[in-house]
Amino acid sequence: MYLSMANGGAKLDPQAAAVMISQYRQNNGLGAVTVDPALVKLAEDQSMAMARNNKLDHDVKGPLAKRLNAGGYPATLAVENVSAGYHTLAEAFSGWRDSPPHRANMLKSGVNKLGIAASYAPGTKYKVFWTMILASTDG
């Protein structure tokens, strides 16, 4: 949670993120989320694309629905938070929590799966690019 992602060897723990997001959701009367490896891969792809392009942008690899489709992910509901410049999961979470649109995504009713990633790009303005996808595959 407090491990800096601003170095090449850092590895984000998606399970720790799921616990943090789940506690936040449960404190707000919502259900927990579990890590979905397919969503983690999609989040990694998005974070790496933002890092490669030195650009904070939801659509750097196309809109979320298109990326989910291309990845064969059968989401019935999905939302995404991206951010950059935060070095730790705790900082990224705080930034999302304090931003009304990002907070709304974390508190989206009906989502139960999580994918999260951080990519380090030392030669860029922000250094660390974050993506979190929350989704459901329930029909």
N, C-alpha and C. Protein backbone atom coordinates (compact mmCIF):
# COMPACT_ATOMS: atom_id res chain seq x y z
N MET A 1 0.82 -1.19 0.00
CA MET A 1 0.00 0.00 0.00
C MET A 1 0.87 1.26 0.00
N TYR A 2 2.00 1.18 0.72
CA TYR A 2 2.89 2.34 0.81
C TYR A 2 4.19 2.15 0.03
N LEU A 3 4.31 1.04 -0.68
CA LEU A 3 5.48 0.78 -1.51
C LEU A 3 5.48 1.73 -2.70
N SER A 4 6.59 2.42 -2.91
CA SER A 4 6.68 3.34 -4.04
C SER A 4 6.76 2.57 -5.35
N MET A 5 5.93 2.97 -6.29
CA MET A 5 5.94 2.38 -7.63
C MET A 5 6.90 3.14 -8.54
N ALA A 6 7.60 4.14 -7.99
CA ALA A 6 8.49 4.99 -8.78
C ALA A 6 9.88 4.39 -8.88
N ASN A 7 9.94 3.09 -9.16
CA ASN A 7 11.21 2.45 -9.49
C ASN A 7 10.92 1.22 -10.34
N GLY A 8 11.87 0.85 -11.16
CA GLY A 8 11.66 -0.20 -12.15
C GLY A 8 11.32 -1.56 -11.59
N GLY A 9 11.72 -1.87 -10.38
CA GLY A 9 11.47 -3.19 -9.83
C GLY A 9 10.21 -3.30 -9.00
N ALA A 10 9.50 -2.21 -8.81
CA ALA A 10 8.32 -2.22 -7.94
C ALA A 10 7.20 -3.04 -8.56
N LYS A 11 6.49 -3.77 -7.72
CA LYS A 11 5.37 -4.60 -8.17
C LYS A 11 4.15 -4.29 -7.31
N LEU A 12 3.10 -3.84 -7.94
CA LEU A 12 1.85 -3.53 -7.25
C LEU A 12 1.17 -4.83 -6.82
N ASP A 13 0.61 -4.85 -5.62
CA ASP A 13 -0.13 -6.00 -5.12
C ASP A 13 -1.62 -5.77 -5.33
N PRO A 14 -2.21 -6.39 -6.39
CA PRO A 14 -3.64 -6.17 -6.64
C PRO A 14 -4.53 -6.62 -5.48
N GLN A 15 -4.09 -7.65 -4.75
CA GLN A 15 -4.90 -8.13 -3.62
C GLN A 15 -4.98 -7.07 -2.52
N ALA A 16 -3.87 -6.39 -2.25
CA ALA A 16 -3.89 -5.31 -1.25
C ALA A 16 -4.83 -4.20 -1.71
N ALA A 17 -4.83 -3.91 -3.00
CA ALA A 17 -5.73 -2.90 -3.54
C ALA A 17 -7.18 -3.33 -3.38
N ALA A 18 -7.46 -4.61 -3.65
CA ALA A 18 -8.83 -5.11 -3.51
C ALA A 18 -9.31 -4.99 -2.08
N VAL A 19 -8.44 -5.28 -1.12
CA VAL A 19 -8.81 -5.14 0.30
C VAL A 19 -9.11 -3.68 0.61
N MET A 20 -8.26 -2.77 0.15
CA MET A 20 -8.45 -1.35 0.42
C MET A 20 -9.76 -0.84 -0.19
N ILE A 21 -9.99 -1.17 -1.46
CA ILE A 21 -11.19 -0.71 -2.16
C ILE A 21 -12.43 -1.36 -1.53
N SER A 22 -12.33 -2.64 -1.19
CA SER A 22 -13.47 -3.34 -0.58
C SER A 22 -13.84 -2.72 0.76
N GLN A 23 -12.85 -2.41 1.58
CA GLN A 23 -13.14 -1.79 2.88
C GLN A 23 -13.84 -0.44 2.68
N TYR A 24 -13.35 0.33 1.71
CA TYR A 24 -13.96 1.62 1.42
C TYR A 24 -15.41 1.44 0.97
N ARG A 25 -15.63 0.47 0.09
CA ARG A 25 -16.98 0.20 -0.41
C ARG A 25 -17.88 -0.29 0.73
N GLN A 26 -17.38 -1.20 1.55
CA GLN A 26 -18.18 -1.74 2.64
C GLN A 26 -18.51 -0.66 3.68
N ASN A 27 -17.59 0.26 3.92
CA ASN A 27 -17.85 1.39 4.82
C ASN A 27 -18.95 2.29 4.28
N ASN A 28 -19.21 2.18 2.97
CA ASN A 28 -20.25 2.98 2.33
C ASN A 28 -21.45 2.13 1.94
N GLY A 29 -21.58 0.95 2.57
CA GLY A 29 -22.76 0.11 2.38
C GLY A 29 -22.79 -0.70 1.10
N LEU A 30 -21.64 -0.89 0.47
CA LEU A 30 -21.58 -1.62 -0.80
C LEU A 30 -20.79 -2.92 -0.63
N GLY A 31 -20.89 -3.78 -1.63
CA GLY A 31 -20.21 -5.06 -1.59
C GLY A 31 -18.73 -4.95 -1.91
N ALA A 32 -18.02 -6.00 -1.55
CA ALA A 32 -16.58 -6.09 -1.79
C ALA A 32 -16.29 -6.35 -3.26
N VAL A 33 -15.02 -6.17 -3.63
CA VAL A 33 -14.54 -6.53 -4.96
C VAL A 33 -13.43 -7.56 -4.81
N THR A 34 -13.30 -8.40 -5.83
CA THR A 34 -12.22 -9.38 -5.86
C THR A 34 -11.36 -9.13 -7.09
N VAL A 35 -10.10 -9.52 -6.99
CA VAL A 35 -9.17 -9.33 -8.10
C VAL A 35 -9.56 -10.26 -9.24
N ASP A 36 -9.61 -9.71 -10.44
CA ASP A 36 -9.86 -10.48 -11.65
C ASP A 36 -8.61 -10.37 -12.52
N PRO A 37 -7.88 -11.47 -12.73
CA PRO A 37 -6.63 -11.41 -13.50
C PRO A 37 -6.80 -10.82 -14.90
N ALA A 38 -7.94 -11.06 -15.53
CA ALA A 38 -8.16 -10.49 -16.87
C ALA A 38 -8.27 -8.97 -16.80
N LEU A 39 -8.91 -8.46 -15.75
CA LEU A 39 -8.99 -7.00 -15.58
C LEU A 39 -7.65 -6.42 -15.20
N VAL A 40 -6.85 -7.16 -14.43
CA VAL A 40 -5.50 -6.70 -14.10
C VAL A 40 -4.70 -6.53 -15.39
N LYS A 41 -4.80 -7.50 -16.29
CA LYS A 41 -4.08 -7.43 -17.57
C LYS A 41 -4.54 -6.21 -18.38
N LEU A 42 -5.84 -5.98 -18.43
CA LEU A 42 -6.36 -4.82 -19.16
C LEU A 42 -5.90 -3.51 -18.52
N ALA A 43 -5.86 -3.47 -17.19
CA ALA A 43 -5.37 -2.28 -16.49
C ALA A 43 -3.88 -2.08 -16.76
N GLU A 44 -3.12 -3.17 -16.76
CA GLU A 44 -1.68 -3.07 -17.07
C GLU A 44 -1.47 -2.52 -18.47
N ASP A 45 -2.24 -3.02 -19.44
CA ASP A 45 -2.12 -2.53 -20.82
C ASP A 45 -2.39 -1.04 -20.90
N GLN A 46 -3.42 -0.58 -20.20
CA GLN A 46 -3.78 0.85 -20.22
C GLN A 46 -2.69 1.69 -19.55
N SER A 47 -2.21 1.25 -18.39
CA SER A 47 -1.16 2.01 -17.70
C SER A 47 0.11 2.08 -18.53
N MET A 48 0.48 0.96 -19.15
CA MET A 48 1.68 0.95 -19.99
C MET A 48 1.51 1.86 -21.20
N ALA A 49 0.32 1.88 -21.79
CA ALA A 49 0.08 2.75 -22.95
C ALA A 49 0.17 4.22 -22.55
N MET A 50 -0.38 4.56 -21.40
CA MET A 50 -0.27 5.95 -20.93
C MET A 50 1.19 6.30 -20.68
N ALA A 51 1.94 5.39 -20.06
CA ALA A 51 3.36 5.63 -19.77
C ALA A 51 4.15 5.78 -21.06
N ARG A 52 3.90 4.90 -22.03
CA ARG A 52 4.61 4.96 -23.32
C ARG A 52 4.37 6.28 -24.03
N ASN A 53 3.13 6.76 -23.94
CA ASN A 53 2.74 8.00 -24.62
C ASN A 53 2.90 9.24 -23.76
N ASN A 54 3.34 9.06 -22.50
CA ASN A 54 3.49 10.17 -21.56
C ASN A 54 2.22 11.01 -21.54
N LYS A 55 1.09 10.29 -21.41
CA LYS A 55 -0.21 10.96 -21.51
C LYS A 55 -1.22 10.31 -20.57
N LEU A 56 -1.82 11.12 -19.72
CA LEU A 56 -2.90 10.66 -18.84
C LEU A 56 -4.20 10.78 -19.62
N ASP A 57 -4.78 9.64 -20.01
CA ASP A 57 -5.93 9.67 -20.90
C ASP A 57 -6.66 8.33 -20.85
N HIS A 58 -7.96 8.36 -20.61
CA HIS A 58 -8.75 7.12 -20.62
C HIS A 58 -8.71 6.45 -22.00
N ASP A 59 -8.62 7.23 -23.05
CA ASP A 59 -8.77 6.70 -24.40
C ASP A 59 -7.47 6.49 -25.15
N VAL A 60 -6.33 6.49 -24.46
CA VAL A 60 -5.05 6.33 -25.14
C VAL A 60 -4.99 5.00 -25.92
N LYS A 61 -5.71 4.00 -25.45
CA LYS A 61 -5.82 2.72 -26.16
C LYS A 61 -7.25 2.49 -26.66
N GLY A 62 -8.05 3.53 -26.66
CA GLY A 62 -9.45 3.41 -27.05
C GLY A 62 -10.34 3.45 -25.82
N PRO A 63 -11.64 3.68 -26.03
CA PRO A 63 -12.59 3.73 -24.92
C PRO A 63 -12.61 2.41 -24.15
N LEU A 64 -12.97 2.47 -22.87
CA LEU A 64 -12.98 1.29 -22.02
C LEU A 64 -13.80 0.16 -22.62
N ALA A 65 -15.01 0.45 -23.09
CA ALA A 65 -15.86 -0.61 -23.65
C ALA A 65 -15.17 -1.33 -24.81
N LYS A 66 -14.49 -0.57 -25.64
CA LYS A 66 -13.78 -1.17 -26.79
C LYS A 66 -12.62 -2.04 -26.30
N ARG A 67 -11.89 -1.57 -25.30
CA ARG A 67 -10.77 -2.36 -24.76
C ARG A 67 -11.25 -3.64 -24.10
N LEU A 68 -12.36 -3.55 -23.36
CA LEU A 68 -12.93 -4.75 -22.73
C LEU A 68 -13.35 -5.75 -23.80
N ASN A 69 -14.02 -5.26 -24.82
CA ASN A 69 -14.45 -6.10 -25.94
C ASN A 69 -13.27 -6.77 -26.62
N ALA A 70 -12.26 -5.98 -26.94
CA ALA A 70 -11.07 -6.50 -27.64
C ALA A 70 -10.35 -7.54 -26.79
N GLY A 71 -10.42 -7.39 -25.47
CA GLY A 71 -9.79 -8.35 -24.57
C GLY A 71 -10.68 -9.55 -24.27
N GLY A 72 -11.87 -9.60 -24.87
CA GLY A 72 -12.78 -10.70 -24.65
C GLY A 72 -13.40 -10.71 -23.26
N TYR A 73 -13.45 -9.55 -22.61
CA TYR A 73 -13.98 -9.48 -21.25
C TYR A 73 -15.49 -9.21 -21.30
N PRO A 74 -16.30 -10.11 -20.73
CA PRO A 74 -17.76 -10.01 -20.85
C PRO A 74 -18.42 -9.11 -19.80
N ALA A 75 -17.98 -7.88 -19.69
CA ALA A 75 -18.51 -6.97 -18.67
C ALA A 75 -19.95 -6.58 -18.98
N THR A 76 -20.78 -6.62 -17.95
CA THR A 76 -22.13 -6.07 -18.06
C THR A 76 -22.17 -4.66 -17.48
N LEU A 77 -21.14 -4.33 -16.71
CA LEU A 77 -20.99 -3.02 -16.09
C LEU A 77 -19.50 -2.80 -15.87
N ALA A 78 -19.00 -1.63 -16.22
CA ALA A 78 -17.57 -1.36 -16.00
C ALA A 78 -17.33 0.14 -15.90
N VAL A 79 -16.41 0.50 -15.00
CA VAL A 79 -15.96 1.88 -14.84
C VAL A 79 -14.45 1.86 -14.67
N GLU A 80 -13.83 3.00 -14.95
CA GLU A 80 -12.37 3.06 -14.90
C GLU A 80 -11.92 4.36 -14.27
N ASN A 81 -10.90 4.25 -13.43
CA ASN A 81 -10.18 5.41 -12.92
C ASN A 81 -8.76 5.35 -13.45
N VAL A 82 -8.26 6.47 -13.93
CA VAL A 82 -6.84 6.58 -14.27
C VAL A 82 -6.29 7.78 -13.50
N SER A 83 -5.00 7.74 -13.25
CA SER A 83 -4.33 8.87 -12.62
C SER A 83 -2.84 8.74 -12.89
N ALA A 84 -2.12 9.76 -12.52
CA ALA A 84 -0.67 9.74 -12.73
C ALA A 84 -0.02 10.66 -11.72
N GLY A 85 1.23 10.35 -11.41
CA GLY A 85 2.00 11.18 -10.49
C GLY A 85 2.01 10.69 -9.06
N TYR A 86 1.10 9.83 -8.70
CA TYR A 86 1.09 9.26 -7.34
C TYR A 86 2.08 8.11 -7.29
N HIS A 87 2.90 8.06 -6.26
CA HIS A 87 3.93 7.03 -6.18
C HIS A 87 3.48 5.77 -5.45
N THR A 88 2.45 5.87 -4.60
CA THR A 88 2.00 4.70 -3.85
C THR A 88 0.51 4.45 -4.07
N LEU A 89 0.10 3.22 -3.79
CA LEU A 89 -1.31 2.88 -3.87
C LEU A 89 -2.13 3.77 -2.94
N ALA A 90 -1.64 4.02 -1.74
CA ALA A 90 -2.36 4.87 -0.79
C ALA A 90 -2.58 6.27 -1.36
N GLU A 91 -1.56 6.82 -2.03
CA GLU A 91 -1.70 8.15 -2.63
C GLU A 91 -2.71 8.13 -3.77
N ALA A 92 -2.63 7.12 -4.64
CA ALA A 92 -3.57 7.02 -5.76
C ALA A 92 -5.00 6.89 -5.23
N PHE A 93 -5.19 6.02 -4.24
CA PHE A 93 -6.51 5.84 -3.63
C PHE A 93 -7.03 7.16 -3.07
N SER A 94 -6.19 7.89 -2.34
CA SER A 94 -6.61 9.17 -1.75
C SER A 94 -6.99 10.16 -2.83
N GLY A 95 -6.22 10.20 -3.92
CA GLY A 95 -6.55 11.09 -5.02
C GLY A 95 -7.90 10.76 -5.63
N TRP A 96 -8.16 9.48 -5.84
CA TRP A 96 -9.45 9.06 -6.39
C TRP A 96 -10.58 9.34 -5.41
N ARG A 97 -10.36 9.07 -4.14
CA ARG A 97 -11.39 9.27 -3.12
C ARG A 97 -11.78 10.75 -3.03
N ASP A 98 -10.81 11.63 -3.21
CA ASP A 98 -11.06 13.06 -3.07
C ASP A 98 -11.57 13.73 -4.34
N SER A 99 -11.72 12.97 -5.41
CA SER A 99 -12.24 13.49 -6.68
C SER A 99 -13.65 12.92 -6.88
N PRO A 100 -14.68 13.77 -6.90
CA PRO A 100 -16.05 13.24 -6.99
C PRO A 100 -16.30 12.22 -8.11
N PRO A 101 -15.84 12.44 -9.35
CA PRO A 101 -16.12 11.42 -10.38
C PRO A 101 -15.40 10.09 -10.10
N HIS A 102 -14.17 10.17 -9.60
CA HIS A 102 -13.42 8.95 -9.30
C HIS A 102 -14.01 8.23 -8.08
N ARG A 103 -14.41 9.01 -7.10
CA ARG A 103 -15.07 8.44 -5.91
C ARG A 103 -16.34 7.70 -6.33
N ALA A 104 -17.13 8.32 -7.22
CA ALA A 104 -18.36 7.69 -7.70
C ALA A 104 -18.06 6.35 -8.37
N ASN A 105 -16.97 6.28 -9.11
CA ASN A 105 -16.60 5.00 -9.74
C ASN A 105 -16.26 3.95 -8.69
N MET A 106 -15.49 4.34 -7.67
CA MET A 106 -15.13 3.37 -6.63
C MET A 106 -16.35 2.91 -5.85
N LEU A 107 -17.38 3.75 -5.81
CA LEU A 107 -18.60 3.42 -5.09
C LEU A 107 -19.73 3.03 -6.04
N LYS A 108 -19.38 2.59 -7.22
CA LYS A 108 -20.37 2.17 -8.22
C LYS A 108 -21.10 0.92 -7.72
N SER A 109 -22.40 1.01 -7.65
CA SER A 109 -23.20 -0.14 -7.23
C SER A 109 -23.17 -1.21 -8.32
N GLY A 110 -23.04 -2.46 -7.90
CA GLY A 110 -23.11 -3.57 -8.85
C GLY A 110 -21.78 -4.11 -9.30
N VAL A 111 -20.69 -3.37 -9.13
CA VAL A 111 -19.39 -3.92 -9.53
C VAL A 111 -18.88 -4.85 -8.44
N ASN A 112 -18.18 -5.91 -8.86
CA ASN A 112 -17.65 -6.86 -7.88
C ASN A 112 -16.28 -7.41 -8.26
N LYS A 113 -15.71 -6.90 -9.35
CA LYS A 113 -14.39 -7.35 -9.81
C LYS A 113 -13.47 -6.14 -9.99
N LEU A 114 -12.18 -6.38 -9.80
CA LEU A 114 -11.20 -5.29 -9.83
C LEU A 114 -9.98 -5.71 -10.63
N GLY A 115 -9.49 -4.77 -11.42
CA GLY A 115 -8.17 -4.88 -12.03
C GLY A 115 -7.46 -3.56 -11.78
N ILE A 116 -6.21 -3.62 -11.36
CA ILE A 116 -5.47 -2.39 -11.06
C ILE A 116 -4.02 -2.57 -11.46
N ALA A 117 -3.41 -1.49 -11.92
CA ALA A 117 -2.01 -1.55 -12.33
C ALA A 117 -1.37 -0.17 -12.21
N ALA A 118 -0.05 -0.19 -12.06
CA ALA A 118 0.75 1.03 -12.07
C ALA A 118 1.96 0.77 -12.96
N SER A 119 2.26 1.71 -13.85
CA SER A 119 3.43 1.59 -14.72
C SER A 119 4.38 2.75 -14.46
N TYR A 120 5.64 2.40 -14.33
CA TYR A 120 6.68 3.38 -14.07
C TYR A 120 7.35 3.79 -15.37
N ALA A 121 7.44 5.08 -15.60
CA ALA A 121 8.09 5.62 -16.79
C ALA A 121 8.98 6.78 -16.35
N PRO A 122 10.26 6.51 -16.05
CA PRO A 122 11.13 7.50 -15.43
C PRO A 122 11.34 8.78 -16.24
N GLY A 123 11.27 8.71 -17.56
CA GLY A 123 11.53 9.89 -18.37
C GLY A 123 10.31 10.74 -18.65
N THR A 124 9.23 10.51 -17.92
CA THR A 124 7.98 11.23 -18.19
C THR A 124 7.67 12.24 -17.09
N LYS A 125 6.72 13.10 -17.38
CA LYS A 125 6.31 14.14 -16.43
C LYS A 125 5.81 13.54 -15.11
N TYR A 126 4.99 12.49 -15.20
CA TYR A 126 4.32 11.96 -14.00
C TYR A 126 5.05 10.79 -13.33
N LYS A 127 5.90 10.12 -14.04
CA LYS A 127 6.67 8.97 -13.54
C LYS A 127 5.85 7.69 -13.35
N VAL A 128 4.68 7.78 -12.71
CA VAL A 128 3.86 6.59 -12.44
C VAL A 128 2.44 6.83 -12.97
N PHE A 129 1.95 5.86 -13.75
CA PHE A 129 0.62 5.93 -14.36
C PHE A 129 -0.24 4.80 -13.80
N TRP A 130 -1.42 5.15 -13.31
CA TRP A 130 -2.31 4.21 -12.64
C TRP A 130 -3.59 3.97 -13.43
N THR A 131 -4.07 2.74 -13.40
CA THR A 131 -5.37 2.39 -13.96
C THR A 131 -6.07 1.44 -13.00
N MET A 132 -7.33 1.72 -12.71
CA MET A 132 -8.17 0.80 -11.95
C MET A 132 -9.46 0.60 -12.73
N ILE A 133 -9.80 -0.66 -12.99
CA ILE A 133 -11.06 -1.00 -13.65
C ILE A 133 -11.90 -1.79 -12.66
N LEU A 134 -13.12 -1.35 -12.47
CA LEU A 134 -14.10 -2.05 -11.64
C LEU A 134 -15.21 -2.53 -12.57
N ALA A 135 -15.61 -3.79 -12.42
CA ALA A 135 -16.58 -4.33 -13.36
C ALA A 135 -17.42 -5.43 -12.73
N SER A 136 -18.42 -5.83 -13.49
CA SER A 136 -19.26 -6.98 -13.16
C SER A 136 -19.50 -7.76 -14.44
N THR A 137 -19.62 -9.06 -14.31
CA THR A 137 -19.98 -9.90 -15.45
C THR A 137 -21.35 -10.53 -15.21
N ASP A 138 -22.04 -10.08 -14.17
CA ASP A 138 -23.37 -10.61 -13.86
C ASP A 138 -24.38 -10.07 -14.85
N GLY A 139 -25.26 -10.92 -15.31
CA GLY A 139 -26.25 -10.53 -16.32
C GLY A 139 -27.47 -9.90 -15.83
